[in-house]
Amino acid sequence: MVNKKNIAYGIIILIVGVSVGVFLQKYYLPHTASENYVVREGGYNFINPLLSCDISENKQFAEYQPLKNKFQTYIEKNIQNGNATDISVYFRGLDSGHWSGVNENDKYSPASLLKVPIMIAYLKDADENPNILNQQIVYHQSTDENASETFKPAQYIKDGQSYMVKNLIEYMIEDSDNNAAQLLQDNVDQNSLTEVYSDLGIPVSSSNSEDSITPKQYSYIFRILYNATYLSKSMSQYALELLSASDFPQGIKAGLPASVPSSQKFGERTVLDQDPTTNAISLSYRELHDCGIVYYPGNPYLLCVMTKGADFSKLSKIISDISALVYQETSSGSLKI
């Protein structure tokens, strides 16, 4: 005789198994190469935690070709006019994962962009030991690391004073204070910092005076913060909140309405030449970069612009022009993120 109870249990198990399989296939198991998908949690203002995705990193997406063409035209014009010698752009729709760029794999000096990995190293350690952020460090100035900067910090740490690590991170990120950055770098767990460099694909040997990083590489830092895939949600949110207060109105922010928030970090570098005969010092070139997230309502996007030339004012205008171009394309509806 057939046991009806066993049949009923079997049907229930079959239904549950099929349902679980469909759920896993949709959200967690690898999709085919041609099927790009992103699943997110939502519910935050600076982050949007990533649950699952499969996006090609090897191809640019056709819907962004008109934007790429505009990037290319603008870049060629400014290089021909002598406003810059090198310009690179990387653009990415954060929720879709689709991207485009021009010269996005060209290398530049990270300069102050490396302050963000230092922050991440501390926050990663603080995920396990929150007291790290409350530790006190006394600053004894030997060299003013801000002296050679063109874009000097409005707020900076003072000689002989003691600061909590949390406050030093604020000075380093919000004001781009080089002295705070140096103090933090001197006191960070070097194994933690090396691990962050390795995990995020930043050349471990990189320094702020070496052309070693590309816009596409560096953008990954902002992606892991937005996706909350490397730090905890609370620490990712905190990091992007600090970056939203970054004091550099000349770059990406200059191309946006004041009502549109953004989280970004800039970096500058000046390279000088010395005549071996006369010892005369002359300018070789400058680099200026700005990379970050623009929280366009409903369509947040990532923009990283790296430049090289002779005049910071011209380079900053290039960055703000490109930022304005992307915003206008987005707000007009012609750019589908």
Protein backbone atom coordinates (compact mmCIF):
# COMPACT_ATOMS: atom_id res chain seq x y z
CA MET A 1 0.00 0.00 0.00
CA VAL A 2 1.29 3.50 -0.88
CA ASN A 3 2.00 5.66 2.17
CA LYS A 4 0.23 8.94 1.43
CA LYS A 5 2.12 10.71 4.22
CA ASN A 6 5.47 9.82 2.64
CA ILE A 7 4.25 11.04 -0.75
CA ALA A 8 3.16 14.35 0.81
CA TYR A 9 6.55 14.76 2.52
CA GLY A 10 8.27 13.98 -0.77
CA ILE A 11 6.27 16.61 -2.63
CA ILE A 12 7.04 19.20 0.05
CA ILE A 13 10.76 18.40 -0.08
CA LEU A 14 10.71 18.64 -3.89
CA ILE A 15 8.98 22.04 -3.81
CA VAL A 16 11.41 23.37 -1.20
CA GLY A 17 14.39 22.04 -3.15
CA VAL A 18 13.27 23.64 -6.40
CA SER A 19 12.57 26.95 -4.63
CA VAL A 20 15.99 27.00 -2.99
CA GLY A 21 17.64 26.14 -6.28
CA VAL A 22 15.84 28.98 -8.08
CA PHE A 23 16.80 31.40 -5.31
CA LEU A 24 20.46 30.40 -5.38
CA GLN A 25 20.59 30.50 -9.16
CA LYS A 26 19.08 33.97 -9.19
CA TYR A 27 21.08 35.57 -6.41
CA TYR A 28 24.21 33.62 -5.59
CA LEU A 29 25.32 31.08 -8.15
CA PRO A 30 27.42 32.22 -11.13
CA HIS A 31 25.43 33.36 -14.14
CA THR A 32 26.49 33.03 -17.73
CA ALA A 33 29.12 35.43 -19.03
CA SER A 34 26.56 37.31 -21.13
CA GLU A 35 24.14 37.76 -18.21
CA ASN A 36 25.23 40.75 -16.12
CA TYR A 37 23.37 41.15 -12.85
CA VAL A 38 23.62 42.97 -9.52
CA VAL A 39 21.71 42.32 -6.28
CA ARG A 40 21.86 44.94 -3.51
CA GLU A 41 20.51 45.40 0.00
CA GLY A 42 19.59 49.11 -0.03
CA GLY A 43 18.57 51.23 2.96
CA TYR A 44 21.68 53.40 3.43
CA ASN A 45 22.64 56.90 2.30
CA PHE A 46 26.38 56.51 1.49
CA ILE A 47 26.61 52.76 0.83
CA ASN A 48 24.47 50.18 -0.96
CA PRO A 49 25.66 46.74 0.23
CA LEU A 50 26.30 44.24 -2.52
CA LEU A 51 24.72 40.81 -2.12
CA SER A 52 25.71 39.28 -5.44
CA CYS A 53 26.86 40.36 -8.88
CA ASP A 54 28.42 39.26 -12.14
CA ILE A 55 29.69 42.14 -14.29
CA SER A 56 32.26 41.96 -17.04
CA GLU A 57 35.39 43.97 -16.24
CA ASN A 58 36.95 43.35 -19.65
CA LYS A 59 34.56 45.19 -21.91
CA GLN A 60 33.06 48.63 -22.06
CA PHE A 61 29.29 48.81 -22.42
CA ALA A 62 27.68 49.98 -25.65
CA GLU A 63 25.16 52.28 -23.96
CA TYR A 64 28.06 54.44 -22.74
CA GLN A 65 29.69 54.81 -26.16
CA PRO A 66 28.22 58.34 -26.71
CA LEU A 67 29.68 59.40 -23.34
CA LYS A 68 33.04 57.84 -24.21
CA ASN A 69 33.03 59.77 -27.51
CA LYS A 70 32.45 63.03 -25.62
CA PHE A 71 35.25 62.19 -23.21
CA GLN A 72 37.57 61.49 -26.13
CA THR A 73 36.70 64.74 -27.94
CA TYR A 74 37.18 66.82 -24.80
CA ILE A 75 40.48 65.13 -23.94
CA GLU A 76 41.92 65.53 -27.43
CA LYS A 77 40.95 69.22 -27.51
CA ASN A 78 42.58 70.02 -24.16
CA ILE A 79 45.77 68.16 -24.98
CA GLN A 80 46.01 69.91 -28.37
CA ASN A 81 45.47 73.27 -26.62
CA GLY A 82 48.27 72.55 -24.15
CA ASN A 83 46.01 72.51 -21.10
CA ALA A 84 47.32 69.05 -20.18
CA THR A 85 49.70 66.42 -21.47
CA ASP A 86 47.73 63.42 -20.15
CA ILE A 87 44.08 62.96 -19.17
CA SER A 88 42.42 59.73 -18.07
CA VAL A 89 38.80 59.08 -17.16
CA TYR A 90 37.00 56.12 -15.64
CA PHE A 91 33.21 56.19 -15.23
CA ARG A 92 31.00 53.53 -13.67
CA GLY A 93 27.31 53.28 -12.87
CA LEU A 94 27.49 51.97 -9.32
CA ASP A 95 24.23 50.08 -9.11
CA SER A 96 24.44 48.56 -12.59
CA GLY A 97 28.20 47.98 -12.62
CA HIS A 98 28.42 49.07 -16.26
CA TRP A 99 31.44 51.23 -17.06
CA SER A 100 33.38 53.16 -19.67
CA GLY A 101 36.62 55.07 -19.82
CA VAL A 102 39.33 56.74 -21.84
CA ASN A 103 42.98 56.01 -21.02
CA GLU A 104 41.67 54.34 -17.87
CA ASN A 105 44.71 52.05 -17.65
CA ASP A 106 47.35 54.81 -17.85
CA LYS A 107 49.48 55.12 -14.71
CA TYR A 108 49.82 58.18 -12.47
CA SER A 109 51.23 59.03 -9.08
CA PRO A 110 48.60 58.34 -6.40
CA ALA A 111 49.92 61.18 -4.18
CA SER A 112 47.30 61.98 -1.52
CA LEU A 113 44.97 59.33 -2.93
CA LEU A 114 46.96 56.89 -0.78
CA LYS A 115 45.42 58.46 2.32
CA VAL A 116 42.27 56.43 1.70
CA PRO A 117 44.01 53.01 2.03
CA ILE A 118 45.60 54.25 5.28
CA MET A 119 42.12 55.07 6.58
CA ILE A 120 40.81 51.69 5.44
CA ALA A 121 43.64 49.87 7.25
CA TYR A 122 42.69 51.55 10.53
CA LEU A 123 38.96 50.98 10.04
CA LYS A 124 39.51 47.33 9.15
CA ASP A 125 41.43 46.83 12.41
CA ALA A 126 38.74 48.82 14.24
CA ASP A 127 36.11 46.37 13.00
CA GLU A 128 37.74 43.86 15.35
CA ASN A 129 38.95 46.31 18.00
CA PRO A 130 36.95 49.58 18.07
CA ASN A 131 39.24 51.00 20.77
CA ILE A 132 41.89 51.56 18.09
CA LEU A 133 40.06 54.70 16.98
CA ASN A 134 40.26 56.15 20.50
CA GLN A 135 43.99 55.62 20.95
CA GLN A 136 45.97 58.81 21.56
CA ILE A 137 49.06 59.74 19.52
CA VAL A 138 51.25 62.75 20.24
CA TYR A 139 52.44 64.73 17.23
CA HIS A 140 56.07 65.91 17.30
CA GLN A 141 56.76 67.87 14.16
CA SER A 142 60.15 67.40 12.52
CA THR A 143 59.16 68.29 8.96
CA ASP A 144 56.05 70.11 7.77
CA GLU A 145 54.72 67.73 5.13
CA ASN A 146 52.21 70.37 3.99
CA ALA A 147 54.85 72.96 3.10
CA SER A 148 55.29 71.88 -0.52
CA GLU A 149 51.58 71.43 -1.26
CA THR A 150 49.70 73.85 -3.49
CA PHE A 151 46.29 72.94 -2.05
CA LYS A 152 47.05 73.37 1.64
CA PRO A 153 44.72 72.07 4.37
CA ALA A 154 42.42 74.57 6.05
CA GLN A 155 42.70 72.59 9.30
CA TYR A 156 45.81 70.71 10.39
CA ILE A 157 47.35 69.12 13.46
CA LYS A 158 49.63 71.12 15.75
CA ASP A 159 53.07 70.29 17.10
CA GLY A 160 53.13 68.86 20.63
CA GLN A 161 49.43 68.06 20.79
CA SER A 162 47.84 64.66 21.36
CA TYR A 163 45.12 63.37 19.04
CA MET A 164 42.82 60.37 18.96
CA VAL A 165 43.30 58.19 15.88
CA LYS A 166 39.72 58.97 14.87
CA ASN A 167 40.49 62.71 14.83
CA LEU A 168 43.71 62.19 12.89
CA ILE A 169 41.75 60.28 10.23
CA GLU A 170 39.35 63.22 9.99
CA TYR A 171 42.23 65.67 9.48
CA MET A 172 43.79 63.35 6.89
CA ILE A 173 40.61 62.75 4.87
CA GLU A 174 38.51 65.89 5.29
CA ASP A 175 41.39 68.39 5.12
CA SER A 176 44.02 66.23 3.38
CA ASP A 177 46.52 67.10 6.12
CA ASN A 178 49.83 65.46 5.16
CA ASN A 179 51.16 65.70 8.71
CA ALA A 180 48.20 63.73 10.06
CA ALA A 181 48.65 61.20 7.26
CA GLN A 182 52.34 60.76 8.05
CA LEU A 183 51.63 60.34 11.76
CA LEU A 184 48.98 57.72 11.03
CA GLN A 185 51.21 55.89 8.57
CA ASP A 186 54.04 55.81 11.11
CA ASN A 187 51.75 54.23 13.72
CA VAL A 188 49.57 51.89 11.66
CA ASP A 189 50.05 48.15 11.83
CA GLN A 190 52.27 47.79 8.76
CA ASN A 191 51.02 44.25 8.14
CA SER A 192 47.45 45.57 8.04
CA LEU A 193 48.40 48.33 5.59
CA THR A 194 50.30 45.91 3.34
CA GLU A 195 47.30 43.58 3.40
CA VAL A 196 44.99 46.41 2.35
CA TYR A 197 47.30 47.32 -0.55
CA SER A 198 47.38 43.69 -1.64
CA ASP A 199 43.63 43.09 -1.23
CA LEU A 200 42.69 46.24 -3.12
CA GLY A 201 45.15 45.69 -5.96
CA ILE A 202 47.33 48.68 -5.13
CA PRO A 203 51.01 48.05 -5.95
CA VAL A 204 52.66 47.44 -2.57
CA SER A 205 55.77 49.29 -3.74
CA SER A 206 53.74 52.33 -4.73
CA SER A 207 54.49 55.69 -3.17
CA ASN A 208 53.10 59.16 -3.53
CA SER A 209 55.97 60.08 -5.87
CA GLU A 210 55.78 57.20 -8.34
CA ASP A 211 53.49 56.78 -11.35
CA SER A 212 52.06 53.45 -10.31
CA ILE A 213 48.27 53.45 -10.29
CA THR A 214 45.52 53.76 -12.90
CA PRO A 215 42.08 55.40 -12.58
CA LYS A 216 40.44 52.01 -13.07
CA GLN A 217 42.58 50.45 -10.33
CA TYR A 218 41.97 53.25 -7.87
CA SER A 219 38.22 53.25 -8.46
CA TYR A 220 38.06 49.81 -6.87
CA ILE A 221 38.65 51.45 -3.48
CA PHE A 222 35.44 53.46 -3.75
CA ARG A 223 33.57 50.45 -5.08
CA ILE A 224 34.41 48.28 -2.06
CA LEU A 225 33.35 51.10 0.26
CA TYR A 226 30.05 51.67 -1.58
CA ASN A 227 29.39 47.92 -1.78
CA ALA A 228 30.44 47.36 1.86
CA THR A 229 32.30 44.24 0.77
CA TYR A 230 35.61 44.86 2.57
CA LEU A 231 34.80 46.77 5.73
CA SER A 232 31.68 46.31 7.84
CA LYS A 233 28.60 48.28 6.81
CA SER A 234 29.07 50.75 9.65
CA MET A 235 32.74 51.36 8.84
CA SER A 236 32.05 51.64 5.10
CA GLN A 237 29.32 54.17 5.84
CA TYR A 238 31.68 56.10 8.14
CA ALA A 239 34.49 56.15 5.56
CA LEU A 240 32.27 57.55 2.80
CA GLU A 241 30.77 60.05 5.22
CA LEU A 242 34.26 61.40 5.93
CA LEU A 243 35.07 61.47 2.21
CA SER A 244 31.86 63.44 1.58
CA ALA A 245 33.39 66.22 3.72
CA SER A 246 36.64 66.27 1.73
CA ASP A 247 37.66 69.91 1.26
CA PHE A 248 38.42 70.16 -2.46
CA PRO A 249 35.76 72.24 -4.21
CA GLN A 250 37.85 72.74 -7.38
CA GLY A 251 37.41 69.24 -8.84
CA ILE A 252 34.43 66.90 -9.14
CA LYS A 253 32.34 69.05 -6.78
CA ALA A 254 32.78 72.10 -9.02
CA GLY A 255 30.91 70.29 -11.80
CA LEU A 256 27.91 69.44 -9.63
CA PRO A 257 24.97 71.40 -8.20
CA ALA A 258 25.47 72.13 -4.51
CA SER A 259 22.46 69.94 -3.71
CA VAL A 260 24.09 66.76 -5.07
CA PRO A 261 26.32 65.06 -2.47
CA SER A 262 29.58 63.35 -3.36
CA SER A 263 32.36 61.44 -1.60
CA GLN A 264 35.78 61.90 -3.14
CA LYS A 265 39.52 62.28 -2.61
CA PHE A 266 41.97 64.42 -4.58
CA GLY A 267 45.71 64.10 -4.98
CA GLU A 268 48.38 66.50 -6.23
CA ARG A 269 52.02 66.12 -7.19
CA THR A 270 54.65 68.54 -8.46
CA VAL A 271 57.80 67.22 -10.13
CA LEU A 272 60.83 69.53 -10.37
CA ASP A 273 64.00 69.24 -12.44
CA GLN A 274 67.44 70.41 -11.32
CA ASP A 275 70.04 71.50 -13.85
CA PRO A 276 73.21 69.47 -13.09
CA THR A 277 75.44 72.39 -14.09
CA THR A 278 73.74 75.41 -12.56
CA ASN A 279 71.61 73.62 -9.96
CA ALA A 280 68.73 75.78 -11.17
CA ILE A 281 65.30 74.34 -10.33
CA SER A 282 62.56 74.25 -12.95
CA LEU A 283 59.10 72.72 -13.21
CA SER A 284 58.91 69.38 -14.99
CA TYR A 285 55.17 68.67 -14.65
CA ARG A 286 52.28 68.51 -12.22
CA GLU A 287 49.64 65.86 -11.58
CA LEU A 288 46.15 66.46 -10.23
CA HIS A 289 43.50 63.79 -9.66
CA ASP A 290 40.03 63.57 -8.16
CA CYS A 291 38.13 60.32 -7.73
CA GLY A 292 34.89 59.51 -5.98
CA ILE A 293 31.18 58.81 -5.92
CA VAL A 294 28.47 61.21 -7.08
CA TYR A 295 25.15 60.44 -5.38
CA TYR A 296 22.90 61.40 -8.26
CA PRO A 297 19.34 60.65 -7.04
CA GLY A 298 18.47 57.12 -8.01
CA ASN A 299 21.58 56.74 -10.18
CA PRO A 300 24.81 57.02 -8.16
CA TYR A 301 27.97 56.84 -10.23
CA LEU A 302 31.71 56.68 -9.78
CA LEU A 303 34.03 59.09 -11.56
CA CYS A 304 37.83 59.07 -11.49
CA VAL A 305 39.81 61.69 -13.42
CA MET A 306 43.61 61.76 -13.43
CA THR A 307 45.59 64.48 -15.18
CA LYS A 308 49.13 65.61 -15.91
CA GLY A 309 50.29 69.03 -17.11
CA ALA A 310 51.95 72.25 -16.02
CA ASP A 311 49.15 74.36 -14.50
CA PHE A 312 47.01 73.22 -11.57
CA SER A 313 44.26 75.72 -12.43
CA LYS A 314 43.93 74.23 -15.92
CA LEU A 315 44.02 70.68 -14.59
CA SER A 316 41.36 71.38 -11.96
CA LYS A 317 39.14 72.94 -14.65
CA ILE A 318 39.53 69.80 -16.75
CA ILE A 319 38.34 67.69 -13.82
CA SER A 320 35.38 69.96 -13.09
CA ASP A 321 34.44 70.13 -16.80
CA ILE A 322 34.40 66.34 -17.07
CA SER A 323 32.35 66.12 -13.88
CA ALA A 324 29.87 68.65 -15.28
CA LEU A 325 29.71 66.76 -18.58
CA VAL A 326 28.77 63.50 -16.84
CA TYR A 327 26.23 65.22 -14.61
CA GLN A 328 24.58 66.97 -17.57
CA GLU A 329 24.38 63.72 -19.53
CA THR A 330 22.82 62.02 -16.51
CA SER A 331 20.34 64.75 -15.64
CA SER A 332 19.22 65.13 -19.27
CA GLY A 333 18.29 61.46 -19.37
CA SER A 334 20.61 60.69 -22.27
CA LEU A 335 22.94 58.69 -20.02
CA LYS A 336 21.20 55.58 -18.71
CA ILE A 337 23.01 54.39 -15.60
